[in-house]
Amino acid sequence: MSDATLSSPGPAAAPSFFAFPNPVNEVAARTIALGVVVLSLVALVLQLEWLVVLIALGFLARVAAGPKASPLGLLATRVIVPRLGMAPRPTAGPPKRFAQAIGATFSVASAVLLLLVDADLAGWIVLGALVGAAFLEGALGICLGCRAFAVLIRLGVVPEDVCEACNDIWSRPGVTRPGADA
């Protein structure tokens, strides 16, 4: 399958551009994370503040609507992943969306520090932290945002219906918990 979406919403659900896929293809999610690593390293090495803005916009687009709203998401899901020849690996969408929101927070904070606050060192450090988290996800399958999401479920911070949706997805054959294996 060439998209990160592995199933469509039920018949009662109205299709929406701003719907985040659930489940998502773990292979596509990890490919996008590696794309974030590459883009962020280019921004860091060449000190390209404008590229940090594009990285932030990409995260915001993926939080809002999944990979279909992001040039990096489209490149990963429609071009790179199909050429890898790997079978899709469905995984729960809500933790991945939460992880994208954390990435958005870090990348927006980096852009603000670089462009608005003139705190360049702090901005590049925040982007470096994002590189570290994205590398763990992309290269090793360790999704820090997904792990934080699991803790929030255990603490009762995440609403029960979201928790039940994750449990339903994780009970499907062939679906893995995010970060469960590398």
Foldseek 3Di string as FASTA:
>chain_A
DLAQADDDDDPVDDDDQQDQHFWGFLLLLLQLLVVLLVLLVCCLVVVPLVSLVLQLVQLVQCLRHRLVRHPSSNCSRHPVVVVVPDDTQTEGGPLSSQLSVVLNVLSVVLSCCVPPVVNNVVSSVSSVVSSVQSCCCNVWQAHPSLVVVVVCVVVCVDPPVSVVSNVVSCVDPRHHYRRPGD
